[in-house]
Amino acid sequence: MPAGLVISAPASGVGKTTLTLALARAWRNRGLNVQCFKSGPDYIDPAFHAAATGRASVNVDSWAMDRGTIAHLVGRGTDADVVLAEGSMGLFDGVAARGVSGTGATADIAEMLGWPVLLVIDPSGQAQTAAAIAAGLRDYRAGVRLAGVVLNRVASPRHEDLVRRALNDAGIAVFGALPRHAEISLPKRHLGLVQAEEQAEIGKLIDEAARFVAEHVDLDAVLRAAASCSPQPAPNGMNVTPPGQRIALARDAAFSFIYPHMLEAWRAAGAEISTFSPLADEAPDASADVCWLPGGYPELHAGTIAANARFRSGLRAFADTRPVHGECGGYMVLGTALTDADGVRHEMTGLLGLETSFAKRRMHLGYRLAALAAPMPGHQVGARLRGHEFHYSTIVAQPDTPLAVVHDATGAIIAETGSRRGQATGTFFHLIAEDR
């Protein structure tokens, strides 16, 4: 197994993604094969990883996945020279109740795989205190090893010197310090980063980040700090049942949030996937036996979706005889109507009675455990599905038969039950794994 590092930080917004992409591209420019992973349920970052490395990236998640599944997914990096696992939120941030193999914290993955942690520290508004924070993270949990620190957004050489001295006194290696550099900032929107495929200049941005980081960070020292592991994969891989043999998958700027490992697992199980674009007014492939609408940004394209008669009529015709399932944004489009952030109500496909609104934004965020009360494509009544929900829509009406009894990570029952009507089903959560 190649050497690996976990890229983490004390909190979100410190620069984990930028550093991960920069290191990956800089090492790739040196001729190394780099494999990235994303710890946690973020479905946007893996596409950035792929843009930086030329290799597909997948999520690993200790709340939703068992150790064997995580090892199976990490096994894709066997032929790489170095592996980078980008964390989410802060190093130890997870949910209160343990899931399948952990709480969803990045530290779970670091300990499980034996990879040391490279911390990104933003010392803005502080100096020596940054060393206290790093030392606290180093010492908080036995089994999680700290490789060292990269400082980000240092204000001046004097500022850098103060922080470096304090870190050195604490016995923490400093691999580099990055001054503020707006040219490598990744654009954001309400669900996170603007998707990689929506950024025509993403390659140039990653190249500039790699150049900048190579100028300020000791890449050789960081590489030497990585450690190898040989996790034992699950004997039956992902244990995922595809929703059908031939899957028509909506895929465009409005429908793009689906975990890469799910698509790979479907294909590995023998399923064929054909894509279509609702925004281009395309209907699902008539030869498919199931249609799947992922989440995404339908609220940004609601007018176009409402006006695309070929898509809407084609989807309704498909649902007369075959299953259609929607996740989050896809679920909203299967509903009766969607009200956008400006208060304009747009008619959706009407396969379900769900009506949602973005006019009064309210964040819904967290892991979900669903016990199916009705079947959905690929899963029977009683199946226990693990997923993650992240959206800002409000339910105006959800009149159809509930699809599942859904709990959050604390065990509390939530109102977002999903729905079923005829051949159509939908959930607000994005499926990550099924309990074995």
Protein backbone atom coordinates (compact mmCIF):
# COMPACT_ATOMS: atom_id res chain seq x y z
CA MET A 1 0.00 0.00 0.00
CA PRO A 2 1.36 3.46 -0.82
CA ALA A 3 2.10 6.08 1.79
CA GLY A 4 -0.88 8.12 2.91
CA LEU A 5 -1.70 11.38 4.66
CA VAL A 6 -4.92 12.82 6.03
CA ILE A 7 -5.39 16.54 5.36
CA SER A 8 -7.36 18.10 8.21
CA ALA A 9 -7.78 21.30 10.20
CA PRO A 10 -9.31 22.69 13.39
CA ALA A 11 -12.44 23.82 11.49
CA SER A 12 -14.10 24.28 8.11
CA GLY A 13 -13.00 27.06 5.77
CA VAL A 14 -9.30 26.91 6.64
CA GLY A 15 -8.03 25.66 3.28
CA LYS A 16 -8.10 21.84 3.35
CA THR A 17 -9.43 21.45 -0.19
CA THR A 18 -7.03 23.96 -1.71
CA LEU A 19 -4.01 22.34 -0.03
CA THR A 20 -5.16 18.85 -1.03
CA LEU A 21 -5.57 19.85 -4.67
CA ALA A 22 -2.27 21.74 -4.69
CA LEU A 23 -0.28 18.86 -3.19
CA ALA A 24 -1.93 16.35 -5.51
CA ARG A 25 -1.19 18.39 -8.63
CA ALA A 26 2.35 19.32 -7.53
CA TRP A 27 3.25 15.67 -6.95
CA ARG A 28 1.54 14.66 -10.17
CA ASN A 29 3.66 17.24 -11.98
CA ARG A 30 6.68 15.43 -10.53
CA GLY A 31 5.54 12.19 -12.11
CA LEU A 32 3.87 10.60 -9.08
CA ASN A 33 0.52 8.82 -9.18
CA VAL A 34 -1.69 10.42 -6.53
CA GLN A 35 -4.95 8.96 -5.22
CA CYS A 36 -7.38 11.13 -3.26
CA PHE A 37 -10.28 10.28 -0.99
CA LYS A 38 -12.83 12.40 0.85
CA SER A 39 -13.59 11.61 4.48
CA GLY A 40 -17.24 12.25 5.24
CA PRO A 41 -20.37 12.79 3.16
CA ASP A 42 -19.32 15.73 0.94
CA TYR A 43 -20.23 14.78 -2.65
CA ILE A 44 -18.63 17.84 -4.31
CA ASP A 45 -14.95 17.52 -3.39
CA PRO A 46 -14.26 14.17 -5.15
CA ALA A 47 -14.74 15.83 -8.55
CA PHE A 48 -12.08 18.41 -7.65
CA HIS A 49 -9.76 15.58 -6.60
CA ALA A 50 -10.26 13.89 -9.96
CA ALA A 51 -9.49 17.15 -11.77
CA ALA A 52 -6.22 17.46 -9.84
CA THR A 53 -5.03 13.86 -10.12
CA GLY A 54 -6.62 12.38 -13.23
CA ARG A 55 -7.92 9.55 -11.00
CA ALA A 56 -11.45 9.09 -9.66
CA SER A 57 -11.92 9.88 -5.97
CA VAL A 58 -14.54 8.43 -3.62
CA ASN A 59 -15.92 9.10 -0.14
CA VAL A 60 -15.04 7.05 2.93
CA ASP A 61 -17.36 7.50 5.88
CA SER A 62 -17.03 5.93 9.33
CA TRP A 63 -20.64 6.63 10.32
CA ALA A 64 -22.20 4.99 7.26
CA MET A 65 -19.60 2.36 6.27
CA ASP A 66 -18.00 -0.57 8.05
CA ARG A 67 -14.25 -1.06 8.15
CA GLY A 68 -14.27 -3.66 5.39
CA THR A 69 -16.11 -1.36 3.00
CA ILE A 70 -13.74 1.51 3.76
CA ALA A 71 -10.77 -0.81 3.18
CA HIS A 72 -12.34 -1.97 -0.09
CA LEU A 73 -12.67 1.62 -1.31
CA VAL A 74 -9.18 2.60 -0.13
CA GLY A 75 -7.82 -0.41 -2.01
CA ARG A 76 -8.24 1.54 -5.25
CA GLY A 77 -5.07 3.42 -4.25
CA THR A 78 -2.86 0.32 -4.22
CA ASP A 79 -1.12 1.29 -7.46
CA ALA A 80 -0.62 4.95 -6.43
CA ASP A 81 2.61 6.45 -5.11
CA VAL A 82 0.88 8.54 -2.46
CA VAL A 83 -2.65 8.82 -1.07
CA LEU A 84 -4.29 11.99 0.26
CA ALA A 85 -7.49 11.75 2.29
CA GLU A 86 -9.15 15.13 2.66
CA GLY A 87 -11.08 15.57 5.89
CA SER A 88 -14.32 17.40 6.57
CA MET A 89 -14.96 20.10 9.17
CA GLY A 90 -12.49 19.87 12.07
CA LEU A 91 -10.32 16.83 12.76
CA PHE A 92 -12.48 15.40 15.56
CA ASP A 93 -15.87 16.72 14.44
CA GLY A 94 -18.52 14.03 14.05
CA VAL A 95 -21.92 13.17 15.43
CA ALA A 96 -22.67 12.39 19.07
CA ALA A 97 -23.73 8.77 18.56
CA ARG A 98 -21.43 6.20 16.97
CA GLY A 99 -22.47 4.78 13.60
CA VAL A 100 -21.19 1.67 11.85
CA SER A 101 -17.48 2.14 12.55
CA GLY A 102 -17.25 5.63 14.05
CA THR A 103 -18.87 9.04 14.37
CA GLY A 104 -18.05 10.29 10.89
CA ALA A 105 -15.02 12.23 12.15
CA THR A 106 -11.90 12.56 10.02
CA ALA A 107 -9.92 11.27 13.01
CA ASP A 108 -11.71 7.91 12.67
CA ILE A 109 -10.28 7.45 9.18
CA ALA A 110 -6.80 8.58 10.25
CA GLU A 111 -6.72 6.10 13.14
CA MET A 112 -8.35 3.27 11.18
CA LEU A 113 -5.86 3.51 8.30
CA GLY A 114 -2.83 4.51 10.33
CA TRP A 115 -2.21 7.60 8.24
CA PRO A 116 -0.71 10.66 9.99
CA VAL A 117 -2.53 13.98 9.88
CA LEU A 118 -1.23 17.05 8.07
CA LEU A 119 -2.94 20.00 9.75
CA VAL A 120 -3.84 23.19 7.93
CA ILE A 121 -3.78 26.04 10.45
CA ASP A 122 -5.05 29.54 9.70
CA PRO A 123 -3.43 31.80 12.32
CA SER A 124 -5.37 34.90 11.31
CA GLY A 125 -5.96 37.09 14.34
CA GLN A 126 -3.56 35.10 16.52
CA ALA A 127 0.06 34.04 16.78
CA GLN A 128 1.37 31.69 19.52
CA THR A 129 -2.18 30.52 20.21
CA ALA A 130 -2.06 28.66 16.89
CA ALA A 131 0.57 26.37 18.44
CA ALA A 132 -1.69 25.69 21.43
CA ILE A 133 -4.48 24.69 19.06
CA ALA A 134 -2.18 22.38 17.08
CA ALA A 135 -0.80 20.83 20.28
CA GLY A 136 -4.31 20.26 21.57
CA LEU A 137 -5.29 18.46 18.37
CA ARG A 138 -2.10 16.38 18.52
CA ASP A 139 -2.77 15.23 22.08
CA TYR A 140 -6.56 14.92 22.08
CA ARG A 141 -6.91 11.30 20.98
CA ALA A 142 -4.49 8.42 21.27
CA GLY A 143 -4.06 6.61 17.97
CA VAL A 144 -4.25 9.76 15.84
CA ARG A 145 -0.75 10.88 14.87
CA LEU A 146 0.16 14.40 13.79
CA ALA A 147 2.69 14.65 10.97
CA GLY A 148 2.99 18.43 11.10
CA VAL A 149 1.43 21.69 10.05
CA VAL A 150 1.07 23.91 7.01
CA LEU A 151 0.19 27.51 7.91
CA ASN A 152 -2.30 29.26 5.65
CA ARG A 153 -3.00 32.96 5.17
CA VAL A 154 -0.10 34.26 7.25
CA ALA A 155 -0.16 38.05 7.39
CA SER A 156 3.57 38.86 7.23
CA PRO A 157 7.07 37.40 7.74
CA ARG A 158 6.98 38.58 11.36
CA HIS A 159 3.64 36.86 11.89
CA GLU A 160 5.00 33.65 10.39
CA ASP A 161 8.09 33.79 12.60
CA LEU A 162 6.03 34.13 15.78
CA VAL A 163 3.85 31.17 14.89
CA ARG A 164 6.76 29.01 13.70
CA ARG A 165 8.72 29.60 16.91
CA ALA A 166 5.75 28.59 19.04
CA LEU A 167 5.13 25.44 16.98
CA ASN A 168 8.80 24.50 17.14
CA ASP A 169 8.74 24.94 20.92
CA ALA A 170 5.75 22.58 21.03
CA GLY A 171 7.66 19.99 18.99
CA ILE A 172 5.41 20.31 15.94
CA ALA A 173 6.94 20.32 12.46
CA VAL A 174 6.08 23.21 10.15
CA PHE A 175 6.22 22.15 6.52
CA GLY A 176 5.49 25.59 5.10
CA ALA A 177 3.60 28.84 5.40
CA LEU A 178 1.30 30.27 2.74
CA PRO A 179 0.74 34.03 2.44
CA ARG A 180 -2.70 35.24 1.41
CA HIS A 181 -3.24 34.56 -2.30
CA ALA A 182 -6.69 35.33 -3.72
CA GLU A 183 -5.87 33.69 -7.07
CA ILE A 184 -6.27 30.21 -5.54
CA SER A 185 -9.61 30.79 -3.79
CA LEU A 186 -12.35 28.37 -4.87
CA PRO A 187 -15.77 29.97 -5.51
CA LYS A 188 -18.63 28.94 -3.21
CA ARG A 189 -22.42 28.82 -3.13
CA HIS A 190 -25.01 27.77 -0.56
CA LEU A 191 -24.27 24.01 -0.58
CA GLY A 192 -20.49 24.40 -0.67
CA LEU A 193 -18.00 24.89 -3.48
CA VAL A 194 -19.21 25.60 -7.00
CA GLN A 195 -18.87 22.22 -8.69
CA ALA A 196 -15.68 21.41 -10.57
CA GLU A 197 -17.50 20.71 -13.84
CA GLU A 198 -19.06 24.18 -13.70
CA GLN A 199 -15.66 25.91 -13.58
CA ALA A 200 -14.07 26.18 -17.02
CA GLU A 201 -10.82 27.45 -15.50
CA ILE A 202 -10.51 24.82 -12.76
CA GLY A 203 -7.36 23.32 -14.32
CA LYS A 204 -5.60 26.68 -14.33
CA LEU A 205 -6.67 27.39 -10.75
CA ILE A 206 -5.29 24.04 -9.55
CA ASP A 207 -2.06 24.64 -11.49
CA GLU A 208 -1.63 28.01 -9.80
CA ALA A 209 -2.35 26.50 -6.39
CA ALA A 210 0.25 23.79 -7.05
CA ARG A 211 2.83 26.36 -8.12
CA PHE A 212 2.14 28.53 -5.10
CA VAL A 213 2.26 25.66 -2.61
CA ALA A 214 5.43 24.22 -4.16
CA GLU A 215 7.05 27.63 -3.67
CA HIS A 216 6.15 27.83 0.04
CA VAL A 217 5.90 24.21 1.28
CA ASP A 218 8.62 21.54 1.56
CA LEU A 219 6.96 18.89 -0.62
CA ASP A 220 9.69 16.33 0.00
CA ALA A 221 9.33 16.65 3.78
CA VAL A 222 5.55 16.27 3.54
CA LEU A 223 5.98 13.15 1.40
CA ARG A 224 8.44 11.65 3.88
CA ALA A 225 5.92 12.21 6.68
CA ALA A 226 3.33 9.95 5.01
CA ALA A 227 2.86 6.39 6.29
CA SER A 228 1.63 3.20 4.63
CA CYS A 229 -1.04 0.75 5.75
CA SER A 230 -2.59 -2.50 4.51
CA PRO A 231 -6.27 -2.50 5.49
CA GLN A 232 -8.29 -5.71 5.07
CA PRO A 233 -11.08 -5.15 2.53
CA ALA A 234 -14.58 -6.58 2.77
CA PRO A 235 -14.70 -9.97 1.02
CA ASN A 236 -17.89 -8.98 -0.82
CA GLY A 237 -16.89 -5.42 -1.65
CA MET A 238 -19.62 -2.82 -1.31
CA ASN A 239 -22.58 -5.22 -0.93
CA VAL A 240 -24.71 -2.86 -3.04
CA THR A 241 -27.74 -3.90 -5.06
CA PRO A 242 -28.23 -1.72 -8.16
CA PRO A 243 -31.70 -0.19 -8.56
CA GLY A 244 -32.00 -1.94 -11.93
CA GLN A 245 -30.10 -3.59 -14.76
CA ARG A 246 -30.35 -0.56 -17.06
CA ILE A 247 -30.39 2.72 -15.17
CA ALA A 248 -31.35 6.05 -16.76
CA LEU A 249 -29.46 8.63 -14.68
CA ALA A 250 -30.23 12.36 -14.82
CA ARG A 251 -26.91 14.15 -15.13
CA ASP A 252 -26.30 17.88 -15.66
CA ALA A 253 -25.76 21.07 -13.65
CA ALA A 254 -29.10 20.60 -11.84
CA PHE A 255 -28.66 16.86 -11.13
CA SER A 256 -25.13 15.96 -10.12
CA PHE A 257 -25.07 15.03 -6.42
CA ILE A 258 -24.55 11.30 -6.28
CA TYR A 259 -21.72 9.53 -4.50
CA PRO A 260 -19.10 8.20 -6.96
CA HIS A 261 -18.76 4.94 -5.01
CA MET A 262 -22.47 4.20 -5.58
CA LEU A 263 -22.14 4.50 -9.35
CA GLU A 264 -19.02 2.34 -9.30
CA ALA A 265 -20.78 -0.27 -7.16
CA TRP A 266 -23.75 -0.37 -9.52
CA ARG A 267 -21.46 -0.91 -12.51
CA ALA A 268 -19.41 -3.51 -10.63
CA ALA A 269 -22.64 -5.42 -9.96
CA GLY A 270 -23.35 -5.50 -13.69
CA ALA A 271 -25.68 -2.54 -14.14
CA GLU A 272 -25.53 -0.32 -17.23
CA ILE A 273 -25.96 3.43 -16.77
CA SER A 274 -27.18 5.81 -19.47
CA THR A 275 -27.30 9.54 -18.71
CA PHE A 276 -29.75 12.20 -19.86
CA SER A 277 -30.06 15.93 -19.23
CA PRO A 278 -33.36 17.36 -17.99
CA LEU A 279 -31.94 20.87 -18.54
CA ALA A 280 -31.43 20.01 -22.23
CA ASP A 281 -35.08 18.80 -22.29
CA GLU A 282 -34.08 15.16 -22.65
CA ALA A 283 -36.24 12.25 -21.51
CA PRO A 284 -34.89 9.10 -19.86
CA ASP A 285 -33.77 6.27 -22.13
CA ALA A 286 -36.88 4.33 -23.09
CA SER A 287 -34.94 1.04 -22.92
CA ALA A 288 -33.97 1.56 -19.26
CA ASP A 289 -35.80 -0.32 -16.52
CA VAL A 290 -35.36 2.32 -13.80
CA CYS A 291 -34.78 6.09 -13.69
CA TRP A 292 -32.75 7.82 -10.98
CA LEU A 293 -32.74 11.59 -10.40
CA PRO A 294 -29.86 12.65 -8.10
CA GLY A 295 -29.76 15.82 -6.08
CA GLY A 296 -28.17 19.03 -7.24
CA TYR A 297 -29.41 22.56 -7.79
CA PRO A 298 -32.95 22.39 -9.23
CA GLU A 299 -33.75 25.61 -7.35
CA LEU A 300 -31.30 27.47 -9.61
CA HIS A 301 -32.89 26.02 -12.76
CA ALA A 302 -36.54 25.67 -11.72
CA GLY A 303 -37.85 27.84 -14.58
CA THR A 304 -36.03 25.78 -17.19
CA ILE A 305 -37.18 22.48 -15.67
CA ALA A 306 -40.78 23.72 -15.55
CA ALA A 307 -40.62 24.77 -19.21
CA ASN A 308 -39.02 21.57 -20.54
CA ALA A 309 -42.12 19.72 -21.69
CA ARG A 310 -40.28 16.84 -23.36
CA PHE A 311 -38.44 15.98 -20.16
CA ARG A 312 -41.53 16.24 -17.98
CA SER A 313 -43.83 14.25 -20.25
CA GLY A 314 -41.13 11.67 -20.96
CA LEU A 315 -40.49 11.14 -17.26
CA ARG A 316 -44.20 10.79 -16.54
CA ALA A 317 -44.56 8.25 -19.36
CA PHE A 318 -41.58 6.32 -18.01
CA ALA A 319 -43.11 6.25 -14.51
CA ASP A 320 -46.34 4.70 -15.87
CA THR A 321 -44.56 1.37 -16.21
CA ARG A 322 -41.19 1.56 -14.42
CA PRO A 323 -39.74 2.85 -11.15
CA VAL A 324 -38.45 6.41 -10.82
CA HIS A 325 -36.52 7.54 -7.75
CA GLY A 326 -35.31 11.00 -6.75
CA GLU A 327 -32.81 12.07 -4.10
CA CYS A 328 -33.11 15.52 -2.50
CA GLY A 329 -33.20 17.87 -5.50
CA GLY A 330 -34.40 14.98 -7.65
CA TYR A 331 -37.12 14.30 -5.09
CA MET A 332 -38.21 17.94 -5.30
CA VAL A 333 -38.46 17.72 -9.09
CA LEU A 334 -40.65 14.62 -8.79
CA GLY A 335 -43.01 16.74 -6.70
CA THR A 336 -45.87 19.06 -7.63
CA ALA A 337 -44.13 22.42 -7.34
CA LEU A 338 -40.95 24.18 -6.25
CA THR A 339 -40.90 27.80 -5.09
CA ASP A 340 -37.55 29.46 -5.72
CA ALA A 341 -35.67 31.93 -3.51
CA ASP A 342 -37.49 34.87 -5.16
CA GLY A 343 -40.87 33.42 -4.23
CA VAL A 344 -41.76 32.30 -7.76
CA ARG A 345 -43.66 28.99 -7.84
CA HIS A 346 -42.64 26.57 -10.60
CA GLU A 347 -44.62 23.50 -11.61
CA MET A 348 -42.58 20.30 -11.42
CA THR A 349 -43.33 16.83 -12.82
CA GLY A 350 -46.18 15.96 -10.44
CA LEU A 351 -45.24 12.31 -9.96
CA LEU A 352 -45.41 12.94 -6.21
CA GLY A 353 -47.45 15.40 -4.16
CA LEU A 354 -44.38 16.95 -2.53
CA GLU A 355 -44.22 20.73 -2.65
CA THR A 356 -41.09 22.58 -1.49
CA SER A 357 -39.99 26.19 -1.09
CA PHE A 358 -36.69 28.04 -0.96
CA ALA A 359 -38.40 31.36 -0.24
CA LYS A 360 -37.85 30.80 3.48
CA ARG A 361 -34.49 29.09 3.67
CA ARG A 362 -33.89 26.62 6.46
CA MET A 363 -30.87 24.36 6.56
CA HIS A 364 -31.41 20.62 6.93
CA LEU A 365 -28.11 18.88 7.58
CA GLY A 366 -27.03 15.55 8.99
CA TYR A 367 -26.73 11.80 8.73
CA ARG A 368 -29.91 9.78 8.21
CA LEU A 369 -30.83 6.18 8.99
CA ALA A 370 -33.97 5.10 7.16
CA ALA A 371 -36.00 1.92 7.69
CA LEU A 372 -38.02 1.44 4.52
CA ALA A 373 -41.78 1.18 5.05
CA ALA A 374 -42.28 0.73 1.29
CA PRO A 375 -39.96 -0.60 -1.41
CA MET A 376 -37.75 1.63 -3.54
CA PRO A 377 -35.54 0.69 -6.48
CA GLY A 378 -32.89 -1.79 -5.31
CA HIS A 379 -34.21 -2.06 -1.76
CA GLN A 380 -37.11 -3.91 -0.15
CA VAL A 381 -39.38 -3.13 2.79
CA GLY A 382 -37.40 -3.27 6.02
CA ALA A 383 -34.05 -2.36 4.48
CA ARG A 384 -31.97 -0.02 6.64
CA LEU A 385 -30.34 2.66 4.51
CA ARG A 386 -27.68 5.10 5.64
CA GLY A 387 -27.36 8.48 3.98
CA HIS A 388 -26.83 12.19 4.44
CA GLU A 389 -29.17 15.15 4.01
CA PHE A 390 -28.09 18.70 3.17
CA HIS A 391 -30.47 21.24 1.68
CA TYR A 392 -32.20 24.54 2.38
CA SER A 393 -35.71 23.76 1.15
CA THR A 394 -38.82 23.77 3.32
CA ILE A 395 -41.62 21.23 2.95
CA VAL A 396 -44.90 22.93 2.06
CA ALA A 397 -46.74 19.64 1.53
CA GLN A 398 -45.72 15.95 1.66
CA PRO A 399 -49.08 14.16 1.27
CA ASP A 400 -48.09 10.79 -0.16
CA THR A 401 -47.42 7.50 1.59
CA PRO A 402 -44.23 7.84 3.68
CA LEU A 403 -41.37 5.87 2.18
CA ALA A 404 -39.50 5.27 5.43
CA VAL A 405 -39.18 5.92 9.12
CA VAL A 406 -36.14 8.20 9.16
CA HIS A 407 -33.93 8.95 12.16
CA ASP A 408 -31.08 11.40 12.54
CA ALA A 409 -27.73 10.38 14.03
CA THR A 410 -29.04 10.83 17.59
CA GLY A 411 -31.95 8.46 16.98
CA ALA A 412 -34.59 11.19 16.78
CA ILE A 413 -37.35 10.71 14.20
CA ILE A 414 -37.43 13.45 11.56
CA ALA A 415 -40.22 14.73 9.32
CA GLU A 416 -38.41 14.19 6.03
CA THR A 417 -39.74 10.65 5.55
CA GLY A 418 -39.58 10.52 1.77
CA SER A 419 -42.63 9.55 -0.28
CA ARG A 420 -44.06 6.88 -2.54
CA ARG A 421 -46.87 7.13 -5.10
CA GLY A 422 -47.28 4.46 -7.73
CA GLN A 423 -43.89 3.80 -9.35
CA ALA A 424 -42.34 7.02 -8.00
CA THR A 425 -40.29 7.25 -4.81
CA GLY A 426 -38.11 9.94 -3.31
CA THR A 427 -35.96 10.80 -0.29
CA PHE A 428 -34.34 13.94 1.02
CA PHE A 429 -31.19 12.00 1.93
CA HIS A 430 -28.48 10.86 -0.46
CA LEU A 431 -27.84 7.13 -0.17
CA ILE A 432 -24.36 6.14 1.05
CA ALA A 433 -24.70 2.49 2.13
CA GLU A 434 -27.11 -0.20 3.25
CA ASP A 435 -26.64 -1.88 6.61
CA ARG A 436 -25.40 -5.44 6.08
